[in-house]
Amino acid sequence: ECAADLAMLERAVASFRADNGVAPASEAELVVDAYLRQFSQLYDVHYNGVIVTQGDTCIGAG
C-alpha cells in the first residue's frame, strides 16, 4: 500500500513538473489540477514537490 501510494504521488509530481516547468507547491495543487484523483492518506506533498510520510504507517517503507 505504501509503495503504491508513493509511486502514484511520484508520477503525479513528475507529470506536473513536466507539464508546468515547476514542481507543485502542495498535494492540493495536484488534486485541483487533476494530476491526482484524491488525496493520499499515507503521504503528503510539500513545497517544491517534496513527498513526506503522513502518520506512522509508511515510516521506513518504500
PDB file of N, CA and C in Angstrom:
ATOM      1  N   GLU A   1       0.830  -1.202   0.000  1.00  0.00           N
ATOM      2  CA  GLU A   1       0.000   0.000   0.000  1.00  0.00           C
ATOM      3  C   GLU A   1       0.871   1.260   0.000  1.00  0.00           C
ATOM      4  N   CYS A   2       1.910   1.263   0.835  1.00  0.00           N
ATOM      5  CA  CYS A   2       2.794   2.432   0.895  1.00  0.00           C
ATOM      6  C   CYS A   2       3.507   2.645  -0.437  1.00  0.00           C
ATOM      7  N   ALA A   3       4.056   1.563  -0.981  1.00  0.00           N
ATOM      8  CA  ALA A   3       4.808   1.678  -2.232  1.00  0.00           C
ATOM      9  C   ALA A   3       3.911   2.151  -3.374  1.00  0.00           C
ATOM     10  N   ALA A   4       2.688   1.647  -3.424  1.00  0.00           N
ATOM     11  CA  ALA A   4       1.761   2.045  -4.491  1.00  0.00           C
ATOM     12  C   ALA A   4       1.382   3.517  -4.363  1.00  0.00           C
ATOM     13  N   ASP A   5       1.099   3.954  -3.146  1.00  0.00           N
ATOM     14  CA  ASP A   5       0.743   5.358  -2.924  1.00  0.00           C
ATOM     15  C   ASP A   5       1.916   6.275  -3.258  1.00  0.00           C
ATOM     16  N   LEU A   6       3.109   5.880  -2.828  1.00  0.00           N
ATOM     17  CA  LEU A   6       4.298   6.681  -3.092  1.00  0.00           C
ATOM     18  C   LEU A   6       4.549   6.780  -4.594  1.00  0.00           C
ATOM     19  N   ALA A   7       4.435   5.662  -5.305  1.00  0.00           N
ATOM     20  CA  ALA A   7       4.642   5.667  -6.755  1.00  0.00           C
ATOM     21  C   ALA A   7       3.618   6.561  -7.450  1.00  0.00           C
ATOM     22  N   MET A   8       2.368   6.516  -6.984  1.00  0.00           N
ATOM     23  CA  MET A   8       1.313   7.358  -7.554  1.00  0.00           C
ATOM     24  C   MET A   8       1.667   8.838  -7.392  1.00  0.00           C
ATOM     25  N   LEU A   9       2.124   9.211  -6.203  1.00  0.00           N
ATOM     26  CA  LEU A   9       2.485  10.609  -5.959  1.00  0.00           C
ATOM     27  C   LEU A   9       3.713  11.019  -6.759  1.00  0.00           C
ATOM     28  N   GLU A  10       4.704  10.126  -6.850  1.00  0.00           N
ATOM     29  CA  GLU A  10       5.907  10.442  -7.630  1.00  0.00           C
ATOM     30  C   GLU A  10       5.551  10.682  -9.096  1.00  0.00           C
ATOM     31  N   ARG A  11       4.668   9.861  -9.648  1.00  0.00           N
ATOM     32  CA  ARG A  11       4.235  10.058 -11.042  1.00  0.00           C
ATOM     33  C   ARG A  11       3.487  11.374 -11.198  1.00  0.00           C
ATOM     34  N   ALA A  12       2.627  11.692 -10.239  1.00  0.00           N
ATOM     35  CA  ALA A  12       1.858  12.936 -10.317  1.00  0.00           C
ATOM     36  C   ALA A  12       2.777  14.150 -10.259  1.00  0.00           C
ATOM     37  N   VAL A  13       3.756  14.123  -9.353  1.00  0.00           N
ATOM     38  CA  VAL A  13       4.707  15.238  -9.233  1.00  0.00           C
ATOM     39  C   VAL A  13       5.521  15.367 -10.524  1.00  0.00           C
ATOM     40  N   ALA A  14       5.992  14.237 -11.062  1.00  0.00           N
ATOM     41  CA  ALA A  14       6.786  14.269 -12.296  1.00  0.00           C
ATOM     42  C   ALA A  14       5.961  14.793 -13.473  1.00  0.00           C
ATOM     43  N   SER A  15       4.713  14.368 -13.579  1.00  0.00           N
ATOM     44  CA  SER A  15       3.845  14.841 -14.664  1.00  0.00           C
ATOM     45  C   SER A  15       3.572  16.330 -14.539  1.00  0.00           C
ATOM     46  N   PHE A  16       3.299  16.772 -13.318  1.00  0.00           N
ATOM     47  CA  PHE A  16       3.041  18.192 -13.082  1.00  0.00           C
ATOM     48  C   PHE A  16       4.268  19.004 -13.476  1.00  0.00           C
ATOM     49  N   ARG A  17       5.453  18.546 -13.055  1.00  0.00           N
ATOM     50  CA  ARG A  17       6.696  19.254 -13.357  1.00  0.00           C
ATOM     51  C   ARG A  17       6.932  19.293 -14.867  1.00  0.00           C
ATOM     52  N   ALA A  18       6.690  18.185 -15.549  1.00  0.00           N
ATOM     53  CA  ALA A  18       6.897  18.131 -17.000  1.00  0.00           C
ATOM     54  C   ALA A  18       5.950  19.080 -17.732  1.00  0.00           C
ATOM     55  N   ASP A  19       4.714  19.151 -17.278  1.00  0.00           N
ATOM     56  CA  ASP A  19       3.716  19.996 -17.947  1.00  0.00           C
ATOM     57  C   ASP A  19       3.865  21.478 -17.631  1.00  0.00           C
ATOM     58  N   ASN A  20       4.316  21.789 -16.424  1.00  0.00           N
ATOM     59  CA  ASN A  20       4.309  23.180 -15.953  1.00  0.00           C
ATOM     60  C   ASN A  20       5.690  23.810 -15.794  1.00  0.00           C
ATOM     61  N   GLY A  21       6.744  22.995 -15.865  1.00  0.00           N
ATOM     62  CA  GLY A  21       8.093  23.526 -15.734  1.00  0.00           C
ATOM     63  C   GLY A  21       8.505  23.836 -14.306  1.00  0.00           C
ATOM     64  N   VAL A  22       7.625  23.590 -13.365  1.00  0.00           N
ATOM     65  CA  VAL A  22       7.915  23.794 -11.940  1.00  0.00           C
ATOM     66  C   VAL A  22       7.279  22.654 -11.160  1.00  0.00           C
ATOM     67  N   ALA A  23       7.758  22.452  -9.945  1.00  0.00           N
ATOM     68  CA  ALA A  23       7.175  21.432  -9.078  1.00  0.00           C
ATOM     69  C   ALA A  23       5.894  21.964  -8.443  1.00  0.00           C
ATOM     70  N   PRO A  24       4.984  21.070  -8.073  1.00  0.00           N
ATOM     71  CA  PRO A  24       3.774  21.524  -7.379  1.00  0.00           C
ATOM     72  C   PRO A  24       4.113  22.068  -6.000  1.00  0.00           C
ATOM     73  N   ALA A  25       3.323  23.004  -5.536  1.00  0.00           N
ATOM     74  CA  ALA A  25       3.547  23.605  -4.219  1.00  0.00           C
ATOM     75  C   ALA A  25       2.906  22.788  -3.105  1.00  0.00           C
ATOM     76  N   SER A  26       1.954  21.934  -3.475  1.00  0.00           N
ATOM     77  CA  SER A  26       1.246  21.159  -2.451  1.00  0.00           C
ATOM     78  C   SER A  26       0.491  20.007  -3.105  1.00  0.00           C
ATOM     79  N   GLU A  27       0.038  19.081  -2.279  1.00  0.00           N
ATOM     80  CA  GLU A  27      -0.788  17.981  -2.770  1.00  0.00           C
ATOM     81  C   GLU A  27      -2.117  18.510  -3.309  1.00  0.00           C
ATOM     82  N   ALA A  28      -2.638  19.546  -2.670  1.00  0.00           N
ATOM     83  CA  ALA A  28      -3.902  20.135  -3.120  1.00  0.00           C
ATOM     84  C   ALA A  28      -3.798  20.618  -4.562  1.00  0.00           C
ATOM     85  N   GLU A  29      -2.667  21.183  -4.925  1.00  0.00           N
ATOM     86  CA  GLU A  29      -2.478  21.655  -6.302  1.00  0.00           C
ATOM     87  C   GLU A  29      -2.561  20.485  -7.284  1.00  0.00           C
ATOM     88  N   LEU A  30      -2.038  19.333  -6.896  1.00  0.00           N
ATOM     89  CA  LEU A  30      -2.101  18.152  -7.757  1.00  0.00           C
ATOM     90  C   LEU A  30      -3.540  17.668  -7.930  1.00  0.00           C
ATOM     91  N   VAL A  31      -4.317  17.712  -6.867  1.00  0.00           N
ATOM     92  CA  VAL A  31      -5.713  17.269  -6.930  1.00  0.00           C
ATOM     93  C   VAL A  31      -6.550  18.255  -7.740  1.00  0.00           C
ATOM     94  N   VAL A  32      -6.401  19.541  -7.453  1.00  0.00           N
ATOM     95  CA  VAL A  32      -7.174  20.574  -8.157  1.00  0.00           C
ATOM     96  C   VAL A  32      -6.887  20.539  -9.659  1.00  0.00           C
ATOM     97  N   ASP A  33      -5.622  20.337 -10.025  1.00  0.00           N
ATOM     98  CA  ASP A  33      -5.240  20.311 -11.440  1.00  0.00           C
ATOM     99  C   ASP A  33      -5.388  18.924 -12.064  1.00  0.00           C
ATOM    100  N   ALA A  34      -5.991  17.984 -11.334  1.00  0.00           N
ATOM    101  CA  ALA A  34      -6.335  16.638 -11.823  1.00  0.00           C
ATOM    102  C   ALA A  34      -5.133  15.734 -12.111  1.00  0.00           C
ATOM    103  N   TYR A  35      -4.020  15.958 -11.437  1.00  0.00           N
ATOM    104  CA  TYR A  35      -2.899  15.017 -11.530  1.00  0.00           C
ATOM    105  C   TYR A  35      -3.101  13.864 -10.550  1.00  0.00           C
ATOM    106  N   LEU A  36      -3.907  14.088  -9.531  1.00  0.00           N
ATOM    107  CA  LEU A  36      -4.314  13.052  -8.577  1.00  0.00           C
ATOM    108  C   LEU A  36      -5.835  13.039  -8.509  1.00  0.00           C
ATOM    109  N   ARG A  37      -6.408  11.845  -8.364  1.00  0.00           N
ATOM    110  CA  ARG A  37      -7.865  11.745  -8.215  1.00  0.00           C
ATOM    111  C   ARG A  37      -8.304  12.094  -6.796  1.00  0.00           C
ATOM    112  N   GLN A  38      -7.456  11.786  -5.832  1.00  0.00           N
ATOM    113  CA  GLN A  38      -7.809  12.032  -4.433  1.00  0.00           C
ATOM    114  C   GLN A  38      -6.542  12.234  -3.618  1.00  0.00           C
ATOM    115  N   PHE A  39      -6.717  12.770  -2.436  1.00  0.00           N
ATOM    116  CA  PHE A  39      -5.583  12.972  -1.538  1.00  0.00           C
ATOM    117  C   PHE A  39      -5.091  11.638  -0.999  1.00  0.00           C
ATOM    118  N   SER A  40      -3.788  11.502  -0.834  1.00  0.00           N
ATOM    119  CA  SER A  40      -3.205  10.327  -0.196  1.00  0.00           C
ATOM    120  C   SER A  40      -3.413  10.420   1.310  1.00  0.00           C
ATOM    121  N   GLN A  41      -3.748   9.303   1.920  1.00  0.00           N
ATOM    122  CA  GLN A  41      -3.867   9.250   3.380  1.00  0.00           C
ATOM    123  C   GLN A  41      -2.535   8.860   4.023  1.00  0.00           C
ATOM    124  N   LEU A  42      -1.556   8.476   3.193  1.00  0.00           N
ATOM    125  CA  LEU A  42      -0.283   7.969   3.708  1.00  0.00           C
ATOM    126  C   LEU A  42       0.871   8.949   3.541  1.00  0.00           C
ATOM    127  N   TYR A  43       0.774   9.808   2.534  1.00  0.00           N
ATOM    128  CA  TYR A  43       1.844  10.754   2.238  1.00  0.00           C
ATOM    129  C   TYR A  43       1.256  12.136   2.004  1.00  0.00           C
ATOM    130  N   ASP A  44       2.136  13.134   2.055  1.00  0.00           N
ATOM    131  CA  ASP A  44       1.738  14.498   1.749  1.00  0.00           C
ATOM    132  C   ASP A  44       2.789  15.082   0.821  1.00  0.00           C
ATOM    133  N   VAL A  45       2.399  16.046   0.018  1.00  0.00           N
ATOM    134  CA  VAL A  45       3.328  16.725  -0.880  1.00  0.00           C
ATOM    135  C   VAL A  45       3.513  18.141  -0.361  1.00  0.00           C
ATOM    136  N   HIS A  46       4.765  18.482  -0.105  1.00  0.00           N
ATOM    137  CA  HIS A  46       5.095  19.808   0.404  1.00  0.00           C
ATOM    138  C   HIS A  46       5.674  20.662  -0.716  1.00  0.00           C
ATOM    139  N   TYR A  47       6.044  21.874  -0.374  1.00  0.00           N
ATOM    140  CA  TYR A  47       6.616  22.833  -1.319  1.00  0.00           C
ATOM    141  C   TYR A  47       7.723  22.191  -2.148  1.00  0.00           C
ATOM    142  N   ASN A  48       7.772  22.508  -3.401  1.00  0.00           N
ATOM    143  CA  ASN A  48       8.775  22.041  -4.354  1.00  0.00           C
ATOM    144  C   ASN A  48       8.628  20.555  -4.666  1.00  0.00           C
ATOM    145  N   GLY A  49       7.432  19.994  -4.436  1.00  0.00           N
ATOM    146  CA  GLY A  49       7.177  18.608  -4.804  1.00  0.00           C
ATOM    147  C   GLY A  49       7.779  17.573  -3.881  1.00  0.00           C
ATOM    148  N   VAL A  50       8.211  17.978  -2.693  1.00  0.00           N
ATOM    149  CA  VAL A  50       8.812  17.045  -1.739  1.00  0.00           C
ATOM    150  C   VAL A  50       7.707  16.178  -1.127  1.00  0.00           C
ATOM    151  N   ILE A  51       7.873  14.860  -1.221  1.00  0.00           N
ATOM    152  CA  ILE A  51       6.891  13.917  -0.681  1.00  0.00           C
ATOM    153  C   ILE A  51       7.350  13.471   0.703  1.00  0.00           C
ATOM    154  N   VAL A  52       6.461  13.591   1.684  1.00  0.00           N
ATOM    155  CA  VAL A  52       6.779  13.207   3.068  1.00  0.00           C
ATOM    156  C   VAL A  52       5.714  12.246   3.586  1.00  0.00           C
ATOM    157  N   THR A  53       6.112  11.407   4.550  1.00  0.00           N
ATOM    158  CA  THR A  53       5.139  10.491   5.140  1.00  0.00           C
ATOM    159  C   THR A  53       4.149  11.265   5.987  1.00  0.00           C
ATOM    160  N   GLN A  54       2.959  10.744   6.053  1.00  0.00           N
ATOM    161  CA  GLN A  54       1.884  11.352   6.828  1.00  0.00           C
ATOM    162  C   GLN A  54       1.432  10.287   7.829  1.00  0.00           C
ATOM    163  N   GLY A  55       1.672  10.502   9.111  1.00  0.00           N
ATOM    164  CA  GLY A  55       1.377   9.480  10.106  1.00  0.00           C
ATOM    165  C   GLY A  55       2.505   8.464  10.184  1.00  0.00           C
ATOM    166  N   ASP A  56       2.251   7.356  10.865  1.00  0.00           N
ATOM    167  CA  ASP A  56       3.301   6.366  11.122  1.00  0.00           C
ATOM    168  C   ASP A  56       3.269   5.164  10.190  1.00  0.00           C
ATOM    169  N   THR A  57       2.219   4.993   9.424  1.00  0.00           N
ATOM    170  CA  THR A  57       2.014   3.773   8.647  1.00  0.00           C
ATOM    171  C   THR A  57       3.174   3.453   7.714  1.00  0.00           C
ATOM    172  N   CYS A  58       3.709   4.447   7.029  1.00  0.00           N
ATOM    173  CA  CYS A  58       4.703   4.186   5.985  1.00  0.00           C
ATOM    174  C   CYS A  58       6.117   4.634   6.358  1.00  0.00           C
ATOM    175  N   ILE A  59       6.364   4.924   7.623  1.00  0.00           N
ATOM    176  CA  ILE A  59       7.722   5.314   8.021  1.00  0.00           C
ATOM    177  C   ILE A  59       8.662   4.143   7.750  1.00  0.00           C
ATOM    178  N   GLY A  60       9.727   4.409   7.006  1.00  0.00           N
ATOM    179  CA  GLY A  60      10.696   3.375   6.662  1.00  0.00           C
ATOM    180  C   GLY A  60      10.272   2.502   5.487  1.00  0.00           C
ATOM    181  N   ALA A  61       9.123   2.761   4.904  1.00  0.00           N
ATOM    182  CA  ALA A  61       8.650   1.959   3.765  1.00  0.00           C
ATOM    183  C   ALA A  61       9.044   2.629   2.456  1.00  0.00           C
ATOM    184  N   GLY A  62       8.952   1.849   1.391  1.00  0.00           N
ATOM    185  CA  GLY A  62       9.159   2.419   0.067  1.00  0.00           C
ATOM    186  C   GLY A  62      10.509   2.342  -0.375  1.00  0.00           C
TER     187      GLY A  62
END
